[in-house]
Amino acid sequence: MRGTDKPGGIGICEGFFNGSARPQHSRRIARKAKARRDRYGAWLKHLRKERKLTQQELAKRTAVPQTTLAYSEKTGKLTGRKVILRLAAALRVPVTKLLRP
Protein backbone atom coordinates (compact mmCIF):
# COMPACT_ATOMS: atom_id res chain seq x y z
CA MET A 1 0.00 0.00 0.00
CA ARG A 2 2.77 2.35 -0.86
CA GLY A 3 1.60 5.95 -1.44
CA THR A 4 -2.02 5.27 -0.47
CA ASP A 5 -4.07 6.58 2.38
CA LYS A 6 -6.58 3.73 2.33
CA PRO A 7 -6.39 0.14 1.15
CA GLY A 8 -7.32 0.02 -2.54
CA GLY A 9 -7.36 3.82 -2.89
CA ILE A 10 -5.25 6.08 -5.00
CA GLY A 11 -2.54 7.84 -3.06
CA ILE A 12 -1.53 11.43 -3.37
CA CYS A 13 1.53 10.72 -5.50
CA GLU A 14 -0.20 8.19 -7.75
CA GLY A 15 -3.10 10.54 -8.55
CA PHE A 16 -0.70 13.33 -9.40
CA PHE A 17 1.55 11.35 -11.71
CA ASN A 18 -1.13 9.50 -13.65
CA GLY A 19 -2.72 12.76 -14.81
CA SER A 20 -5.85 12.76 -12.68
CA ALA A 21 -4.68 15.92 -10.92
CA ARG A 22 -5.01 17.90 -14.19
CA PRO A 23 -7.69 20.61 -14.03
CA GLN A 24 -10.81 20.04 -16.08
CA HIS A 25 -10.41 23.32 -17.99
CA SER A 26 -7.08 22.40 -19.62
CA ARG A 27 -8.44 23.04 -23.13
CA ARG A 28 -6.97 26.22 -24.62
CA ILE A 29 -9.13 28.83 -26.25
CA ALA A 30 -7.48 30.32 -29.33
CA ARG A 31 -7.80 34.01 -30.12
CA LYS A 32 -9.07 34.77 -33.60
CA ALA A 33 -6.80 36.68 -35.93
CA LYS A 34 -7.74 40.26 -36.64
CA ALA A 35 -9.53 40.83 -39.95
CA ARG A 36 -7.01 43.50 -40.97
CA ARG A 37 -4.13 41.09 -40.49
CA ASP A 38 -5.92 38.46 -42.54
CA ARG A 39 -6.39 40.98 -45.36
CA TYR A 40 -2.75 42.01 -45.18
CA GLY A 41 -1.53 38.42 -45.50
CA ALA A 42 -3.82 37.89 -48.50
CA TRP A 43 -2.60 41.19 -50.01
CA LEU A 44 1.05 40.18 -49.63
CA LYS A 45 0.32 36.84 -51.28
CA HIS A 46 -1.57 38.61 -54.09
CA LEU A 47 1.36 40.94 -54.80
CA ARG A 48 3.79 38.02 -54.81
CA LYS A 49 1.65 35.90 -57.16
CA GLU A 50 0.94 38.88 -59.42
CA ARG A 51 4.68 39.03 -60.08
CA LYS A 52 4.78 35.27 -60.59
CA LEU A 53 7.14 34.66 -57.69
CA THR A 54 7.24 31.70 -55.35
CA GLN A 55 7.93 32.20 -51.65
CA GLN A 56 11.37 30.67 -52.21
CA GLU A 57 12.22 33.11 -55.01
CA LEU A 58 11.02 36.08 -52.96
CA ALA A 59 13.03 34.81 -50.02
CA LYS A 60 16.19 34.80 -52.16
CA ARG A 61 15.52 38.33 -53.42
CA THR A 62 14.87 39.75 -49.97
CA ALA A 63 17.28 37.66 -47.85
CA VAL A 64 14.31 36.86 -45.60
CA PRO A 65 13.74 33.19 -44.71
CA GLN A 66 10.95 31.47 -46.65
CA THR A 67 9.35 30.40 -43.36
CA THR A 68 9.08 34.06 -42.33
CA LEU A 69 7.34 34.88 -45.61
CA ALA A 70 4.93 31.99 -45.15
CA TYR A 71 4.21 33.15 -41.60
CA SER A 72 3.59 36.72 -42.83
CA GLU A 73 1.19 35.53 -45.51
CA LYS A 74 -0.67 33.30 -43.10
CA THR A 75 -0.94 35.68 -40.15
CA GLY A 76 -0.50 39.09 -41.75
CA LYS A 77 2.27 39.98 -39.30
CA LEU A 78 5.66 41.34 -40.30
CA THR A 79 8.76 41.07 -38.16
CA GLY A 80 10.24 44.53 -38.66
CA ARG A 81 10.99 47.60 -40.77
CA LYS A 82 13.85 45.95 -42.63
CA VAL A 83 11.57 43.17 -43.82
CA ILE A 84 8.97 45.69 -45.04
CA LEU A 85 11.59 47.69 -46.94
CA ARG A 86 13.10 44.56 -48.49
CA LEU A 87 9.69 43.24 -49.54
CA ALA A 88 8.73 46.58 -51.09
CA ALA A 89 11.99 46.69 -53.05
CA ALA A 90 11.75 43.07 -54.23
CA LEU A 91 8.09 43.43 -55.26
CA ARG A 92 8.83 46.84 -56.86
CA VAL A 93 6.05 48.65 -55.04
CA PRO A 94 6.10 51.67 -52.73
CA VAL A 95 5.91 50.87 -49.03
CA THR A 96 2.51 52.60 -48.84
CA LYS A 97 1.12 50.21 -51.46
CA LEU A 98 2.65 47.22 -49.68
CA LEU A 99 0.95 48.22 -46.42
CA ARG A 100 -2.30 49.20 -48.13
CA PRO A 101 -5.04 46.79 -46.94
Foldseek 3Di string as FASTA:
>chain_A
DPQCPDVPDHHPVRCVVVPVVDDPPPDDDDDDADPLLQVLLCLLVVLCVVVPHDLVRLCVQQVNDSVQNVVCNHRSDHDDDSSLVSSCVSSVHDSCSSSPD
